[in-house]
């Protein structure tokens, strides 16, 4: 069994870019676009406990910002268990991480994100 820990160096610029774009959109009030970037950061970082947990923390805070009880309650177990699942390599690949989707359901990865994984030589299987 492979244990995952930190985000690989080749993925870090993409992960950081999504988080920066999230913050930029959040600050301008473009909440839908901001959320989209959090979902992308989640997909990029979901195999790595610290990155995965950090995105769920941001999603929880976002839930408070938009006053969504569903998002807040949905993020709490994801925040608690997501990092653990990442650590042992058991994540639903492609899952965007929001409370609007089942937490254990894998999703297809869009081509742009797949290209990022391919460029970074990271397998999504």
N, C-alpha and C. Protein backbone atom coordinates (compact mmCIF):
# COMPACT_ATOMS: atom_id res chain seq x y z
N UNK A 1 0.84 -1.18 0.00
CA UNK A 1 0.00 0.00 0.00
C UNK A 1 0.89 1.25 0.00
N UNK A 2 0.62 2.17 -0.89
CA UNK A 2 1.38 3.41 -0.97
C UNK A 2 0.75 4.46 -0.05
N UNK A 3 1.58 5.07 0.77
CA UNK A 3 1.11 6.14 1.64
C UNK A 3 1.45 7.48 1.01
N UNK A 4 0.45 8.31 0.88
CA UNK A 4 0.62 9.62 0.28
C UNK A 4 0.83 10.64 1.40
N UNK A 5 1.63 11.64 1.15
CA UNK A 5 1.85 12.66 2.18
C UNK A 5 1.64 14.06 1.60
N UNK A 6 2.67 14.61 1.00
CA UNK A 6 2.56 15.99 0.54
C UNK A 6 2.41 16.08 -0.97
N UNK A 7 1.89 17.20 -1.39
CA UNK A 7 1.67 17.48 -2.80
C UNK A 7 3.01 17.41 -3.55
N UNK A 8 3.08 16.66 -4.64
CA UNK A 8 4.33 16.60 -5.41
C UNK A 8 4.69 17.99 -5.99
N UNK A 9 5.96 18.25 -6.06
CA UNK A 9 6.46 19.53 -6.55
C UNK A 9 5.86 19.91 -7.92
N UNK A 10 5.75 18.98 -8.87
CA UNK A 10 5.19 19.37 -10.17
C UNK A 10 3.72 19.82 -10.12
N UNK A 11 2.97 19.39 -9.10
CA UNK A 11 1.56 19.80 -9.00
C UNK A 11 1.38 21.10 -8.21
N UNK A 12 2.35 21.43 -7.38
CA UNK A 12 2.19 22.58 -6.48
C UNK A 12 1.86 23.89 -7.20
N UNK A 13 2.50 24.24 -8.30
CA UNK A 13 2.15 25.51 -8.96
C UNK A 13 0.69 25.54 -9.43
N UNK A 14 0.18 24.41 -9.88
CA UNK A 14 -1.21 24.35 -10.35
C UNK A 14 -2.18 24.47 -9.17
N UNK A 15 -1.87 23.78 -8.09
CA UNK A 15 -2.69 23.84 -6.88
C UNK A 15 -2.70 25.27 -6.35
N UNK A 16 -1.52 25.86 -6.22
CA UNK A 16 -1.41 27.23 -5.71
C UNK A 16 -2.13 28.22 -6.62
N UNK A 17 -2.04 28.02 -7.92
CA UNK A 17 -2.71 28.91 -8.87
C UNK A 17 -4.22 28.86 -8.70
N UNK A 18 -4.77 27.67 -8.50
CA UNK A 18 -6.21 27.55 -8.27
C UNK A 18 -6.62 28.26 -6.98
N UNK A 19 -5.82 28.12 -5.94
CA UNK A 19 -6.14 28.79 -4.68
C UNK A 19 -6.03 30.31 -4.80
N UNK A 20 -5.04 30.79 -5.55
CA UNK A 20 -4.91 32.24 -5.75
C UNK A 20 -6.09 32.77 -6.56
N UNK A 21 -6.49 32.02 -7.58
CA UNK A 21 -7.64 32.45 -8.39
C UNK A 21 -8.92 32.40 -7.57
N UNK A 22 -9.04 31.40 -6.71
CA UNK A 22 -10.17 31.33 -5.78
C UNK A 22 -10.24 32.62 -4.95
N UNK A 23 -9.13 32.97 -4.35
CA UNK A 23 -9.10 34.15 -3.47
C UNK A 23 -9.41 35.43 -4.26
N UNK A 24 -8.87 35.55 -5.44
CA UNK A 24 -9.13 36.72 -6.28
C UNK A 24 -10.62 36.84 -6.58
N UNK A 25 -11.23 35.74 -7.00
CA UNK A 25 -12.65 35.75 -7.34
C UNK A 25 -13.52 35.97 -6.10
N UNK A 26 -13.12 35.38 -5.00
CA UNK A 26 -13.84 35.53 -3.74
C UNK A 26 -13.87 36.99 -3.31
N UNK A 27 -12.71 37.63 -3.40
CA UNK A 27 -12.61 39.04 -2.99
C UNK A 27 -13.42 39.98 -3.87
N UNK A 28 -13.62 39.60 -5.14
CA UNK A 28 -14.41 40.45 -6.04
C UNK A 28 -15.89 40.12 -5.99
N UNK A 29 -16.24 39.10 -5.18
CA UNK A 29 -17.65 38.74 -5.06
C UNK A 29 -18.14 37.77 -6.12
N UNK A 30 -17.23 37.26 -6.94
CA UNK A 30 -17.61 36.26 -7.97
C UNK A 30 -17.59 34.88 -7.31
N UNK A 31 -18.59 34.64 -6.49
CA UNK A 31 -18.57 33.45 -5.64
C UNK A 31 -18.69 32.15 -6.42
N UNK A 32 -19.46 32.12 -7.48
CA UNK A 32 -19.59 30.91 -8.28
C UNK A 32 -18.25 30.54 -8.93
N UNK A 33 -17.57 31.53 -9.46
CA UNK A 33 -16.26 31.29 -10.07
C UNK A 33 -15.24 30.92 -9.00
N UNK A 34 -15.32 31.57 -7.86
CA UNK A 34 -14.42 31.25 -6.75
C UNK A 34 -14.58 29.78 -6.36
N UNK A 35 -15.83 29.35 -6.22
CA UNK A 35 -16.10 27.96 -5.84
C UNK A 35 -15.53 26.99 -6.88
N UNK A 36 -15.68 27.33 -8.15
CA UNK A 36 -15.15 26.49 -9.23
C UNK A 36 -13.65 26.26 -9.03
N UNK A 37 -12.94 27.30 -8.65
CA UNK A 37 -11.49 27.16 -8.44
C UNK A 37 -11.17 26.33 -7.20
N UNK A 38 -12.02 26.40 -6.19
CA UNK A 38 -11.84 25.52 -5.03
C UNK A 38 -12.04 24.06 -5.43
N UNK A 39 -13.04 23.81 -6.25
CA UNK A 39 -13.27 22.44 -6.73
C UNK A 39 -12.07 21.93 -7.52
N UNK A 40 -11.51 22.77 -8.36
CA UNK A 40 -10.33 22.37 -9.14
C UNK A 40 -9.13 22.11 -8.22
N UNK A 41 -8.95 22.97 -7.22
CA UNK A 41 -7.87 22.74 -6.25
C UNK A 41 -8.10 21.43 -5.51
N UNK A 42 -9.36 21.13 -5.20
CA UNK A 42 -9.68 19.87 -4.53
C UNK A 42 -9.28 18.68 -5.38
N UNK A 43 -9.61 18.72 -6.64
CA UNK A 43 -9.28 17.60 -7.53
C UNK A 43 -7.77 17.43 -7.65
N UNK A 44 -7.06 18.54 -7.76
CA UNK A 44 -5.60 18.48 -7.89
C UNK A 44 -4.97 17.94 -6.60
N UNK A 45 -5.48 18.38 -5.45
CA UNK A 45 -4.83 18.04 -4.18
C UNK A 45 -5.44 16.90 -3.40
N UNK A 46 -6.49 16.26 -3.92
CA UNK A 46 -7.23 15.32 -3.10
C UNK A 46 -6.46 14.06 -2.69
N UNK A 47 -5.40 13.73 -3.35
CA UNK A 47 -4.61 12.54 -2.97
C UNK A 47 -3.59 12.84 -1.86
N UNK A 48 -3.48 14.08 -1.46
CA UNK A 48 -2.43 14.49 -0.54
C UNK A 48 -3.07 15.11 0.70
N UNK A 49 -2.89 14.50 1.89
CA UNK A 49 -3.66 14.87 3.07
C UNK A 49 -3.67 16.35 3.42
N UNK A 50 -2.54 17.01 3.39
CA UNK A 50 -2.52 18.41 3.80
C UNK A 50 -3.25 19.29 2.81
N UNK A 51 -2.98 19.09 1.53
CA UNK A 51 -3.66 19.88 0.49
C UNK A 51 -5.16 19.59 0.52
N UNK A 52 -5.52 18.33 0.65
CA UNK A 52 -6.92 17.91 0.65
C UNK A 52 -7.66 18.55 1.83
N UNK A 53 -7.08 18.43 3.01
CA UNK A 53 -7.71 19.00 4.20
C UNK A 53 -7.80 20.52 4.11
N UNK A 54 -6.77 21.14 3.57
CA UNK A 54 -6.77 22.60 3.44
C UNK A 54 -7.92 23.07 2.54
N UNK A 55 -8.15 22.38 1.43
CA UNK A 55 -9.24 22.77 0.53
C UNK A 55 -10.59 22.57 1.23
N UNK A 56 -10.73 21.48 1.97
CA UNK A 56 -12.00 21.29 2.68
C UNK A 56 -12.19 22.36 3.76
N UNK A 57 -11.12 22.81 4.38
CA UNK A 57 -11.20 23.92 5.33
C UNK A 57 -11.71 25.18 4.61
N UNK A 58 -11.15 25.46 3.44
CA UNK A 58 -11.59 26.62 2.66
C UNK A 58 -13.06 26.47 2.24
N UNK A 59 -13.46 25.24 1.88
CA UNK A 59 -14.85 24.99 1.51
C UNK A 59 -15.79 25.19 2.70
N UNK A 60 -15.34 24.78 3.88
CA UNK A 60 -16.14 25.01 5.09
C UNK A 60 -16.31 26.50 5.33
N UNK A 61 -15.23 27.25 5.25
CA UNK A 61 -15.31 28.71 5.43
C UNK A 61 -16.22 29.35 4.37
N UNK A 62 -16.14 28.84 3.15
CA UNK A 62 -16.99 29.32 2.08
C UNK A 62 -18.46 29.07 2.43
N UNK A 63 -18.75 27.90 3.00
CA UNK A 63 -20.11 27.58 3.43
C UNK A 63 -20.63 28.60 4.43
N UNK A 64 -19.76 29.03 5.34
CA UNK A 64 -20.15 30.08 6.29
C UNK A 64 -20.40 31.39 5.57
N UNK A 65 -19.53 31.70 4.61
CA UNK A 65 -19.66 32.96 3.86
C UNK A 65 -21.00 33.05 3.14
N UNK A 66 -21.42 31.93 2.53
CA UNK A 66 -22.67 31.97 1.77
C UNK A 66 -23.87 31.55 2.63
N UNK A 67 -23.60 31.31 3.92
CA UNK A 67 -24.65 30.93 4.88
C UNK A 67 -25.41 29.68 4.43
N UNK A 68 -24.63 28.65 4.01
CA UNK A 68 -25.21 27.39 3.55
C UNK A 68 -25.02 26.32 4.61
N UNK A 69 -26.10 26.00 5.32
CA UNK A 69 -26.04 24.95 6.33
C UNK A 69 -25.64 23.62 5.68
N UNK A 70 -26.17 23.35 4.48
CA UNK A 70 -25.83 22.12 3.77
C UNK A 70 -24.33 22.02 3.54
N UNK A 71 -23.71 23.11 3.07
CA UNK A 71 -22.27 23.08 2.80
C UNK A 71 -21.48 22.95 4.09
N UNK A 72 -21.88 23.68 5.11
CA UNK A 72 -21.17 23.62 6.40
C UNK A 72 -21.21 22.20 6.95
N UNK A 73 -22.43 21.63 7.03
CA UNK A 73 -22.57 20.28 7.57
C UNK A 73 -21.92 19.23 6.67
N UNK A 74 -21.91 19.49 5.38
CA UNK A 74 -21.27 18.56 4.44
C UNK A 74 -19.75 18.59 4.51
N UNK A 75 -19.20 19.74 4.84
CA UNK A 75 -17.73 19.86 4.88
C UNK A 75 -17.13 19.32 6.17
N UNK A 76 -17.86 19.31 7.24
CA UNK A 76 -17.27 18.86 8.52
C UNK A 76 -16.76 17.42 8.43
N UNK A 77 -17.58 16.45 8.00
CA UNK A 77 -17.00 15.09 7.89
C UNK A 77 -15.92 15.00 6.80
N UNK A 78 -16.05 15.76 5.74
CA UNK A 78 -15.03 15.74 4.69
C UNK A 78 -13.71 16.27 5.23
N UNK A 79 -13.79 17.28 6.06
CA UNK A 79 -12.59 17.86 6.67
C UNK A 79 -11.94 16.85 7.61
N UNK A 80 -12.77 16.15 8.38
CA UNK A 80 -12.26 15.18 9.35
C UNK A 80 -11.66 13.95 8.66
N UNK A 81 -12.37 13.40 7.68
CA UNK A 81 -11.96 12.11 7.10
C UNK A 81 -11.22 12.21 5.77
N UNK A 82 -11.34 13.34 5.09
CA UNK A 82 -10.72 13.46 3.77
C UNK A 82 -9.22 13.27 3.80
N UNK A 83 -8.55 13.90 4.74
CA UNK A 83 -7.09 13.78 4.85
C UNK A 83 -6.65 12.37 5.16
N UNK A 84 -7.44 11.68 5.99
CA UNK A 84 -7.11 10.30 6.34
C UNK A 84 -7.21 9.42 5.10
N UNK A 85 -8.29 9.59 4.34
CA UNK A 85 -8.47 8.80 3.11
C UNK A 85 -7.34 9.09 2.13
N UNK A 86 -6.91 10.35 2.05
CA UNK A 86 -5.80 10.70 1.17
C UNK A 86 -4.53 9.99 1.59
N UNK A 87 -4.28 9.98 2.88
CA UNK A 87 -3.04 9.42 3.41
C UNK A 87 -2.85 7.97 2.99
N UNK A 88 -3.95 7.22 2.93
CA UNK A 88 -3.84 5.81 2.56
C UNK A 88 -4.18 5.57 1.08
N UNK A 89 -4.37 6.65 0.32
CA UNK A 89 -4.58 6.53 -1.12
C UNK A 89 -5.96 6.05 -1.52
N UNK A 90 -6.97 6.32 -0.71
CA UNK A 90 -8.34 5.88 -1.00
C UNK A 90 -9.25 7.08 -1.19
N UNK A 91 -9.13 7.75 -2.32
CA UNK A 91 -9.98 8.90 -2.61
C UNK A 91 -10.80 8.65 -3.87
N UNK A 92 -11.98 9.25 -3.94
CA UNK A 92 -12.77 9.15 -5.16
C UNK A 92 -12.23 10.14 -6.20
N UNK A 93 -11.39 9.66 -7.07
CA UNK A 93 -10.69 10.51 -8.05
C UNK A 93 -11.69 11.37 -8.82
N UNK A 94 -11.34 12.63 -8.95
CA UNK A 94 -12.17 13.56 -9.73
C UNK A 94 -13.31 14.18 -8.96
N UNK A 95 -13.56 13.73 -7.74
CA UNK A 95 -14.66 14.28 -6.95
C UNK A 95 -14.35 15.74 -6.63
N UNK A 96 -15.29 16.67 -6.91
CA UNK A 96 -15.01 18.08 -6.69
C UNK A 96 -15.07 18.54 -5.24
N UNK A 97 -15.56 17.69 -4.32
CA UNK A 97 -15.43 17.98 -2.90
C UNK A 97 -16.54 18.74 -2.22
N UNK A 98 -17.50 19.25 -2.96
CA UNK A 98 -18.59 20.01 -2.35
C UNK A 98 -19.67 19.12 -1.76
N UNK A 99 -20.49 19.71 -0.90
CA UNK A 99 -21.59 18.97 -0.27
C UNK A 99 -22.69 18.65 -1.26
N UNK A 100 -22.62 19.20 -2.46
CA UNK A 100 -23.63 18.94 -3.48
C UNK A 100 -23.38 17.64 -4.24
N UNK A 101 -22.30 16.94 -3.92
CA UNK A 101 -22.00 15.66 -4.56
C UNK A 101 -21.72 14.61 -3.49
N UNK A 102 -22.01 13.33 -3.77
CA UNK A 102 -21.71 12.28 -2.80
C UNK A 102 -20.20 12.25 -2.51
N UNK A 103 -19.82 12.16 -1.24
CA UNK A 103 -18.40 12.27 -0.89
C UNK A 103 -17.51 11.13 -1.40
N UNK A 104 -18.09 9.98 -1.69
CA UNK A 104 -17.26 8.85 -2.12
C UNK A 104 -17.40 8.51 -3.59
N UNK A 105 -18.09 9.36 -4.34
CA UNK A 105 -18.32 9.09 -5.76
C UNK A 105 -17.19 9.65 -6.62
N UNK A 106 -16.54 8.80 -7.42
CA UNK A 106 -15.54 9.32 -8.36
C UNK A 106 -16.24 10.01 -9.54
N UNK A 107 -15.54 10.96 -10.12
CA UNK A 107 -16.05 11.71 -11.27
C UNK A 107 -14.99 11.71 -12.36
N UNK A 108 -15.42 11.83 -13.61
CA UNK A 108 -14.42 11.98 -14.68
C UNK A 108 -13.64 13.29 -14.47
N UNK A 109 -12.39 13.26 -14.82
CA UNK A 109 -11.55 14.45 -14.70
C UNK A 109 -11.60 15.18 -16.03
N UNK A 110 -11.92 16.49 -15.99
CA UNK A 110 -12.00 17.21 -17.27
C UNK A 110 -10.62 17.27 -17.91
N UNK A 111 -10.61 17.45 -19.22
CA UNK A 111 -9.37 17.33 -19.99
C UNK A 111 -8.29 18.31 -19.53
N UNK A 112 -8.69 19.53 -19.19
CA UNK A 112 -7.69 20.51 -18.75
C UNK A 112 -6.96 20.04 -17.50
N UNK A 113 -7.71 19.50 -16.53
CA UNK A 113 -7.06 18.99 -15.32
C UNK A 113 -6.27 17.72 -15.62
N UNK A 114 -6.79 16.87 -16.50
CA UNK A 114 -6.04 15.67 -16.87
C UNK A 114 -4.71 16.05 -17.51
N UNK A 115 -4.71 17.10 -18.31
CA UNK A 115 -3.46 17.58 -18.92
C UNK A 115 -2.46 18.02 -17.86
N UNK A 116 -2.96 18.63 -16.78
CA UNK A 116 -2.08 19.04 -15.67
C UNK A 116 -1.44 17.80 -15.05
N UNK A 117 -2.25 16.78 -14.76
CA UNK A 117 -1.70 15.55 -14.19
C UNK A 117 -0.70 14.89 -15.14
N UNK A 118 -1.03 14.90 -16.43
CA UNK A 118 -0.12 14.31 -17.42
C UNK A 118 1.20 15.07 -17.48
N UNK A 119 1.12 16.41 -17.49
CA UNK A 119 2.32 17.23 -17.53
C UNK A 119 3.19 16.99 -16.29
N UNK A 120 2.54 16.84 -15.14
CA UNK A 120 3.25 16.61 -13.90
C UNK A 120 3.66 15.14 -13.73
N UNK A 121 3.26 14.31 -14.71
CA UNK A 121 3.55 12.87 -14.68
C UNK A 121 2.98 12.21 -13.43
N UNK A 122 1.72 12.58 -13.12
CA UNK A 122 1.00 12.02 -11.98
C UNK A 122 -0.14 11.17 -12.52
N UNK A 123 -0.19 9.92 -12.12
CA UNK A 123 -1.27 9.03 -12.57
C UNK A 123 -2.56 9.37 -11.81
N UNK A 124 -3.68 9.34 -12.52
CA UNK A 124 -4.97 9.57 -11.86
C UNK A 124 -5.70 8.25 -11.64
N UNK A 125 -5.05 7.15 -11.90
CA UNK A 125 -5.69 5.84 -11.69
C UNK A 125 -5.43 5.33 -10.30
